[in-house]
Amino acid sequence: MVEGIVSLVFEWSALELLTDTPGTSGQLRAAPEDFRVEEVPAYLPSGEGEHLYLLVEKRGHTTAQVVRELSAQLGVRDRDVGVAGLKDRHAVTTQWLSLPARYEARLSRFALTGVRILETRRHSNKLGLGHLRGNRFVIRVRNAAGTADQAAATLALLRARGVPNYFGPQRFGLRGLNAEEGLKVLRGESRLRDPRVRRLLTTSVQSLVFNRFLSLRLARGLFDRLLVGDMAKKHDTGGVFLVEDAAAESPRAQRGEVSATGTLFGKKVKPLTRDAGELEREALSTFGLTPELFASRRGDRRLTRVFLEDAEVRPEEDGYTVALTLPKGSFATSVLRELMKTEVDVAEENPEERDQEETA
């Protein structure tokens, strides 16, 4: 490794926390039922059309595994099965899938342990990636050293100020190593041929740079403030604008009306400029990277902060349950890390075994 350049391995400890309240510690995912995720759709199927929507509950499977089994058992091409989002394996999750309605008669032959089809309904178009509003989480924290009241106090701060929109360890694979292989893909040095795996690995490099950019903002008191050159996003309308006067716009950020965005580098998105651009270049240089390296990616902008909906903590005999709704593409582990102050969900599977949100 070049002297002064930080490792590409994901570590929570390298990322700034927003809250300084006591952590509860505790255990997650003692059983799949301890981590429940319900997709919040952008729209419900109309009841008419050439596509059949399936409301699927799964336990112990990734979304990709369910899609592969549907395809194999019903004779549907993988690309004809639509999904809005990708859900965890070690959880009980509910989401909509779609397939051409002509396969409806074959559904009776589908069987997969841990998977139930709860409802079917017709719609006019295929379900597309990103066609969801968010996800509702109900998560059990067991064997907590801290109290539910402590968790509730931290959650109250997050409700007021927002949550750092970090990419969680799910994005970075076993021992957080995906970005190292992703860099090889970007440089043309990888022997991997599966296009889906290559895409997920390169996405992890984008995500690592974004996390660093966001962490620098927290470290310098810029979580709810803006810099000249920021591309800020309005939370009510989704409109994005260039910040020319940081002093004038920062009060809007402190009121939660707007937030800065970070760059997921690629050919379709321009890097930040001026003061914000300097911070972004610092994040890149931490890993010895440049924007040009991401020319094979499409690119996007991502909010540095998201706000919780319907968030609450309920005490349990040996810990607590936290329930909350997050917008699409955001990770509940970013919230849990603030509550627990531990290395939440580290050391997960490789990218072929774990689903990841693809946002760029």
Protein backbone atom coordinates (compact mmCIF):
# COMPACT_ATOMS: atom_id res chain seq x y z
CA MET A 1 0.00 0.00 0.00
CA VAL A 2 1.25 3.48 -0.86
CA GLU A 3 2.30 5.44 2.22
CA GLY A 4 -0.46 7.75 3.45
CA ILE A 5 -3.25 6.02 1.51
CA VAL A 6 -6.00 4.44 3.61
CA SER A 7 -7.06 0.82 3.14
CA LEU A 8 -10.10 0.09 0.98
CA VAL A 9 -11.49 -2.29 3.60
CA PHE A 10 -14.80 -1.17 5.13
CA GLU A 11 -14.62 -0.45 8.87
CA TRP A 12 -17.28 1.29 10.95
CA SER A 13 -14.51 2.63 13.19
CA ALA A 14 -13.23 4.75 10.27
CA LEU A 15 -16.56 6.60 10.05
CA GLU A 16 -17.63 9.41 12.36
CA LEU A 17 -20.67 8.99 14.58
CA LEU A 18 -23.29 11.72 14.76
CA THR A 19 -24.37 11.08 18.36
CA ASP A 20 -22.24 10.91 21.50
CA THR A 21 -24.87 9.25 23.68
CA PRO A 22 -24.14 5.95 25.47
CA GLY A 23 -24.43 2.88 23.26
CA THR A 24 -26.53 -0.08 24.30
CA SER A 25 -24.43 -2.76 22.54
CA GLY A 26 -26.42 -5.98 22.02
CA GLN A 27 -26.95 -8.81 19.54
CA LEU A 28 -28.67 -8.64 16.15
CA ARG A 29 -30.13 -11.42 14.00
CA ALA A 30 -30.16 -14.14 16.68
CA ALA A 31 -32.95 -15.49 14.46
CA PRO A 32 -34.25 -14.27 11.08
CA GLU A 33 -37.46 -13.12 12.80
CA ASP A 34 -35.38 -10.59 14.78
CA PHE A 35 -34.82 -8.56 11.60
CA ARG A 36 -38.02 -7.84 9.69
CA VAL A 37 -38.19 -5.72 6.55
CA GLU A 38 -41.35 -4.75 4.71
CA GLU A 39 -41.00 -2.97 1.39
CA VAL A 40 -43.00 0.26 1.09
CA PRO A 41 -44.02 0.34 -2.59
CA ALA A 42 -44.03 3.45 -4.72
CA TYR A 43 -47.42 2.30 -6.02
CA LEU A 44 -49.72 -0.69 -5.72
CA PRO A 45 -50.63 -2.86 -8.72
CA SER A 46 -53.83 -1.68 -10.39
CA GLY A 47 -55.47 -5.10 -10.82
CA GLU A 48 -55.29 -5.05 -14.62
CA GLY A 49 -52.51 -5.53 -17.15
CA GLU A 50 -50.04 -7.93 -18.74
CA HIS A 51 -47.81 -8.33 -15.68
CA LEU A 52 -48.49 -10.34 -12.54
CA TYR A 53 -47.26 -8.87 -9.26
CA LEU A 54 -46.44 -11.27 -6.41
CA LEU A 55 -46.26 -10.17 -2.79
CA VAL A 56 -43.57 -12.49 -1.47
CA GLU A 57 -42.45 -13.19 2.09
CA LYS A 58 -39.04 -14.83 2.35
CA ARG A 59 -36.94 -16.14 5.20
CA GLY A 60 -33.30 -17.18 4.82
CA HIS A 61 -32.98 -16.30 1.12
CA THR A 62 -31.67 -13.34 -0.86
CA THR A 63 -33.95 -11.72 -3.39
CA ALA A 64 -31.66 -13.00 -6.17
CA GLN A 65 -32.07 -16.58 -4.95
CA VAL A 66 -35.87 -16.28 -5.04
CA VAL A 67 -35.74 -14.81 -8.53
CA ARG A 68 -33.53 -17.65 -9.75
CA GLU A 69 -35.90 -20.27 -8.30
CA LEU A 70 -38.96 -18.59 -9.81
CA SER A 71 -37.23 -18.51 -13.17
CA ALA A 72 -36.13 -22.14 -13.00
CA GLN A 73 -39.42 -23.58 -11.73
CA LEU A 74 -41.76 -21.52 -13.92
CA GLY A 75 -39.59 -21.32 -17.03
CA VAL A 76 -39.36 -17.52 -16.92
CA ARG A 77 -36.23 -15.72 -18.09
CA ASP A 78 -34.40 -14.01 -15.18
CA ARG A 79 -34.59 -10.67 -16.96
CA ASP A 80 -38.40 -10.92 -17.17
CA VAL A 81 -38.76 -11.06 -13.37
CA GLY A 82 -39.04 -7.55 -11.94
CA VAL A 83 -37.90 -6.42 -8.48
CA ALA A 84 -37.97 -2.98 -6.89
CA GLY A 85 -35.32 -3.61 -4.24
CA LEU A 86 -32.96 -6.24 -2.87
CA LYS A 87 -33.49 -7.60 0.61
CA ASP A 88 -31.33 -9.30 3.25
CA ARG A 89 -30.94 -13.04 3.53
CA HIS A 90 -30.70 -13.15 7.33
CA ALA A 91 -34.14 -11.64 7.88
CA VAL A 92 -37.83 -12.09 7.28
CA THR A 93 -38.68 -9.75 4.42
CA THR A 94 -41.74 -8.89 2.36
CA GLN A 95 -41.58 -7.40 -1.13
CA TRP A 96 -43.30 -7.29 -4.51
CA LEU A 97 -41.93 -9.17 -7.54
CA SER A 98 -43.39 -9.19 -11.05
CA LEU A 99 -43.43 -11.57 -14.01
CA PRO A 100 -45.34 -11.78 -17.29
CA ALA A 101 -48.96 -12.68 -16.55
CA ARG A 102 -48.89 -15.57 -19.04
CA TYR A 103 -47.01 -17.59 -16.39
CA GLU A 104 -49.78 -17.23 -13.80
CA ALA A 105 -51.09 -20.78 -14.31
CA ARG A 106 -47.65 -22.18 -13.45
CA LEU A 107 -47.47 -20.52 -10.02
CA SER A 108 -49.06 -23.55 -8.39
CA ARG A 109 -45.89 -25.54 -9.10
CA PHE A 110 -43.61 -23.05 -7.30
CA ALA A 111 -42.25 -24.27 -3.94
CA LEU A 112 -39.28 -23.01 -1.94
CA THR A 113 -38.75 -23.56 1.78
CA GLY A 114 -38.95 -20.27 3.64
CA VAL A 115 -40.83 -18.48 0.85
CA ARG A 116 -44.57 -17.72 0.69
CA ILE A 117 -46.58 -15.90 -1.97
CA LEU A 118 -49.03 -13.81 0.05
CA GLU A 119 -50.93 -12.11 -2.76
CA THR A 120 -51.05 -11.80 -6.54
CA ARG A 121 -52.38 -8.88 -8.57
CA ARG A 122 -52.16 -7.68 -12.19
CA HIS A 123 -50.50 -4.47 -13.36
CA SER A 124 -49.73 -2.76 -16.66
CA ASN A 125 -45.93 -2.63 -16.41
CA LYS A 126 -42.99 -4.66 -15.12
CA LEU A 127 -41.69 -3.76 -11.68
CA GLY A 128 -38.38 -1.91 -12.00
CA LEU A 129 -35.39 -1.55 -9.70
CA GLY A 130 -35.94 1.51 -7.53
CA HIS A 131 -39.74 1.48 -7.88
CA LEU A 132 -40.24 1.67 -4.12
CA ARG A 133 -40.65 4.45 -1.59
CA GLY A 134 -38.65 2.86 1.18
CA ASN A 135 -38.57 0.04 3.71
CA ARG A 136 -40.18 -0.50 7.10
CA PHE A 137 -37.88 -2.21 9.64
CA VAL A 138 -38.75 -3.92 12.91
CA ILE A 139 -35.51 -5.04 14.55
CA ARG A 140 -34.95 -6.87 17.83
CA VAL A 141 -31.77 -6.06 19.79
CA ARG A 142 -31.02 -8.83 22.31
CA ASN A 143 -28.60 -9.05 25.23
CA ALA A 144 -28.22 -5.28 25.42
CA ALA A 145 -25.98 -3.86 28.14
CA GLY A 146 -27.75 -0.51 27.87
CA THR A 147 -31.42 0.27 28.31
CA ALA A 148 -34.32 0.89 25.96
CA ASP A 149 -34.49 4.42 27.39
CA GLN A 150 -30.91 5.03 26.23
CA ALA A 151 -31.77 3.78 22.76
CA ALA A 152 -34.88 5.97 22.71
CA ALA A 153 -32.85 9.05 23.68
CA THR A 154 -30.44 8.47 20.79
CA LEU A 155 -33.33 7.82 18.42
CA ALA A 156 -34.89 11.13 19.40
CA LEU A 157 -31.69 12.94 18.37
CA LEU A 158 -31.69 11.11 15.04
CA ARG A 159 -35.33 12.03 14.45
CA ALA A 160 -34.48 15.68 15.00
CA ARG A 161 -31.20 15.95 13.07
CA GLY A 162 -31.45 13.10 10.57
CA VAL A 163 -29.34 10.00 10.06
CA PRO A 164 -25.93 9.91 8.33
CA ASN A 165 -26.76 8.11 5.08
CA TYR A 166 -23.76 5.77 5.18
CA PHE A 167 -23.64 2.66 3.06
CA GLY A 168 -23.67 -0.21 5.55
CA PRO A 169 -21.42 -3.29 5.64
CA GLN A 170 -23.91 -5.20 3.44
CA ARG A 171 -22.44 -3.22 0.54
CA PHE A 172 -18.88 -4.35 1.24
CA GLY A 173 -19.09 -8.13 1.68
CA LEU A 174 -17.10 -10.58 3.77
CA ARG A 175 -14.71 -8.72 6.10
CA GLY A 176 -15.42 -5.53 4.12
CA LEU A 177 -13.18 -6.56 1.21
CA ASN A 178 -15.44 -5.98 -1.82
CA ALA A 179 -13.95 -2.59 -2.64
CA GLU A 180 -10.45 -4.04 -3.00
CA GLU A 181 -11.66 -6.41 -5.71
CA GLY A 182 -13.85 -3.66 -7.15
CA LEU A 183 -10.79 -1.48 -7.67
CA LYS A 184 -9.19 -4.31 -9.65
CA VAL A 185 -12.31 -4.44 -11.84
CA LEU A 186 -12.16 -0.68 -12.47
CA ARG A 187 -8.47 -0.94 -13.39
CA GLY A 188 -9.02 -3.92 -15.69
CA GLU A 189 -7.01 -6.21 -13.41
CA SER A 190 -9.76 -8.59 -12.26
CA ARG A 191 -10.36 -12.06 -13.69
CA LEU A 192 -14.01 -12.08 -12.62
CA ARG A 193 -16.38 -12.38 -15.60
CA ASP A 194 -19.89 -12.34 -14.08
CA PRO A 195 -21.21 -8.86 -15.03
CA ARG A 196 -23.54 -8.67 -12.01
CA VAL A 197 -20.73 -9.41 -9.55
CA ARG A 198 -18.39 -6.98 -11.33
CA ARG A 199 -21.06 -4.28 -11.10
CA LEU A 200 -21.63 -4.86 -7.38
CA LEU A 201 -17.91 -4.81 -6.65
CA THR A 202 -17.32 -1.52 -8.46
CA THR A 203 -20.35 -0.03 -6.72
CA SER A 204 -18.63 -0.78 -3.41
CA VAL A 205 -15.72 1.48 -4.42
CA GLN A 206 -18.14 4.34 -5.14
CA SER A 207 -19.78 3.67 -1.78
CA LEU A 208 -16.49 3.72 0.12
CA VAL A 209 -15.60 7.16 -1.27
CA PHE A 210 -19.08 8.47 -0.45
CA ASN A 211 -18.78 7.19 3.14
CA ARG A 212 -15.44 8.95 3.52
CA PHE A 213 -16.89 12.21 2.16
CA LEU A 214 -19.79 12.01 4.61
CA SER A 215 -17.50 11.13 7.52
CA LEU A 216 -15.34 14.19 6.78
CA ARG A 217 -18.46 16.37 6.87
CA LEU A 218 -19.39 15.01 10.30
CA ALA A 219 -15.86 15.48 11.61
CA ARG A 220 -15.86 19.13 10.52
CA GLY A 221 -19.32 20.07 11.76
CA LEU A 222 -20.87 20.05 8.28
CA PHE A 223 -23.51 17.36 8.73
CA ASP A 224 -26.38 19.86 8.73
CA ARG A 225 -24.55 22.73 7.04
CA LEU A 226 -23.67 23.48 3.43
CA LEU A 227 -20.54 24.49 1.56
CA VAL A 228 -20.16 26.64 -1.52
CA GLY A 229 -20.16 24.20 -4.43
CA ASP A 230 -22.45 21.68 -2.73
CA MET A 231 -25.24 20.17 -4.78
CA ALA A 232 -28.05 20.30 -2.21
CA LYS A 233 -31.35 18.45 -2.42
CA LYS A 234 -34.75 19.62 -1.21
CA HIS A 235 -36.39 17.00 0.97
CA ASP A 236 -39.95 17.96 0.04
CA THR A 237 -39.69 18.13 -3.76
CA GLY A 238 -36.44 16.29 -4.55
CA GLY A 239 -35.09 19.29 -6.47
CA VAL A 240 -31.29 19.64 -6.60
CA PHE A 241 -29.51 23.02 -6.72
CA LEU A 242 -25.97 24.41 -6.64
CA VAL A 243 -25.08 26.20 -3.40
CA GLU A 244 -23.62 29.63 -4.25
CA ASP A 245 -24.07 31.22 -0.80
CA ALA A 246 -23.44 28.74 2.00
CA ALA A 247 -24.24 31.23 4.77
CA ALA A 248 -27.67 31.91 3.29
CA GLU A 249 -28.55 28.26 2.59
CA SER A 250 -27.19 26.57 5.74
CA PRO A 251 -30.12 27.65 7.95
CA ARG A 252 -32.41 25.69 5.61
CA ALA A 253 -30.18 22.66 6.14
CA GLN A 254 -30.31 23.10 9.92
CA ARG A 255 -34.12 23.17 9.72
CA GLY A 256 -34.05 19.89 7.80
CA GLU A 257 -35.42 21.37 4.58
CA VAL A 258 -32.38 20.57 2.43
CA SER A 259 -29.27 18.39 2.70
CA ALA A 260 -25.98 18.09 0.87
CA THR A 261 -25.43 15.29 -1.59
CA GLY A 262 -22.28 13.31 -2.30
CA THR A 263 -21.06 12.02 -5.64
CA LEU A 264 -21.22 8.38 -6.65
CA PHE A 265 -18.64 8.87 -9.37
CA GLY A 266 -19.36 7.94 -12.98
CA LYS A 267 -19.64 9.31 -16.51
CA LYS A 268 -23.15 10.77 -16.06
CA VAL A 269 -22.46 12.89 -12.96
CA LYS A 270 -20.16 15.87 -12.52
CA PRO A 271 -17.86 16.11 -9.46
CA LEU A 272 -18.50 18.85 -6.94
CA THR A 273 -16.69 22.18 -7.28
CA ARG A 274 -15.20 24.93 -5.10
CA ASP A 275 -15.21 24.28 -1.31
CA ALA A 276 -17.36 21.14 -1.57
CA GLY A 277 -15.17 19.90 -4.41
CA GLU A 278 -12.07 20.28 -2.26
CA LEU A 279 -13.64 18.08 0.40
CA GLU A 280 -14.67 15.54 -2.21
CA ARG A 281 -11.15 15.43 -3.69
CA GLU A 282 -9.81 14.89 -0.19
CA ALA A 283 -12.10 11.89 0.19
CA LEU A 284 -10.88 10.47 -3.13
CA SER A 285 -7.22 11.07 -2.37
CA THR A 286 -7.58 9.21 0.93
CA PHE A 287 -7.73 6.04 -1.17
CA GLY A 288 -5.46 7.23 -3.97
CA LEU A 289 -8.36 7.46 -6.45
CA THR A 290 -9.45 9.91 -9.17
CA PRO A 291 -12.86 10.59 -10.79
CA GLU A 292 -11.58 9.29 -14.15
CA LEU A 293 -11.23 5.80 -12.70
CA PHE A 294 -15.06 5.50 -12.61
CA ALA A 295 -15.64 6.15 -16.32
CA SER A 296 -17.26 2.70 -16.76
CA ARG A 297 -19.92 3.51 -14.17
CA ARG A 298 -23.03 5.60 -14.77
CA GLY A 299 -22.81 7.58 -11.53
CA ASP A 300 -25.39 9.34 -9.35
CA ARG A 301 -25.85 11.73 -6.45
CA ARG A 302 -26.76 10.49 -2.95
CA LEU A 303 -28.15 12.39 0.01
CA THR A 304 -25.75 12.68 2.93
CA ARG A 305 -28.68 12.69 5.37
CA VAL A 306 -32.07 11.01 5.57
CA PHE A 307 -34.92 11.41 8.03
CA LEU A 308 -36.70 8.69 9.96
CA GLU A 309 -40.43 8.04 9.76
CA ASP A 310 -42.58 6.37 12.43
CA ALA A 311 -39.53 5.61 14.57
CA GLU A 312 -39.95 4.16 18.04
CA VAL A 313 -38.23 1.96 20.64
CA ARG A 314 -40.08 -0.69 22.64
CA PRO A 315 -38.47 -2.27 25.74
CA GLU A 316 -38.02 -6.06 25.81
CA GLU A 317 -36.95 -8.41 28.59
CA ASP A 318 -33.31 -8.56 27.46
CA GLY A 319 -33.08 -5.50 25.24
CA TYR A 320 -35.44 -3.63 22.96
CA THR A 321 -37.14 -3.54 19.57
CA VAL A 322 -36.67 -0.59 17.26
CA ALA A 323 -39.18 0.12 14.48
CA LEU A 324 -38.60 2.71 11.76
CA THR A 325 -39.10 3.52 8.09
CA LEU A 326 -36.25 4.65 5.84
CA PRO A 327 -36.24 5.88 2.24
CA LYS A 328 -35.04 3.51 -0.48
CA GLY A 329 -31.31 2.87 -0.67
CA SER A 330 -30.71 3.71 3.01
CA PHE A 331 -29.35 1.21 5.51
CA ALA A 332 -30.93 0.46 8.88
CA THR A 333 -27.46 -0.50 10.12
CA SER A 334 -26.56 3.22 10.10
CA VAL A 335 -29.30 3.79 12.66
CA LEU A 336 -28.45 0.71 14.72
CA ARG A 337 -24.80 1.69 14.87
CA GLU A 338 -25.76 5.03 16.47
CA LEU A 339 -27.98 3.24 19.01
CA MET A 340 -25.61 0.38 19.83
CA LYS A 341 -22.20 2.03 19.25
CA THR A 342 -20.81 -1.31 17.99
CA GLU A 343 -19.52 -2.79 14.71
CA VAL A 344 -23.02 -3.58 13.47
CA ASP A 345 -23.41 -6.42 10.94
CA VAL A 346 -19.73 -6.77 10.04
CA ALA A 347 -18.20 -9.90 8.44
CA GLU A 348 -21.01 -10.84 6.10
CA GLU A 349 -21.02 -13.02 2.99
CA ASN A 350 -19.46 -12.47 -0.40
CA PRO A 351 -21.30 -10.40 -3.06
CA GLU A 352 -22.81 -13.47 -4.73
CA GLU A 353 -24.48 -14.49 -1.45
CA ARG A 354 -25.72 -11.14 -0.16
CA ASP A 355 -28.08 -8.70 -1.86
CA GLN A 356 -27.09 -5.08 -2.15
CA GLU A 357 -28.96 -1.93 -3.15
CA GLU A 358 -27.72 -0.75 -6.54
CA THR A 359 -28.08 3.02 -6.72
CA ALA A 360 -25.54 3.97 -9.35
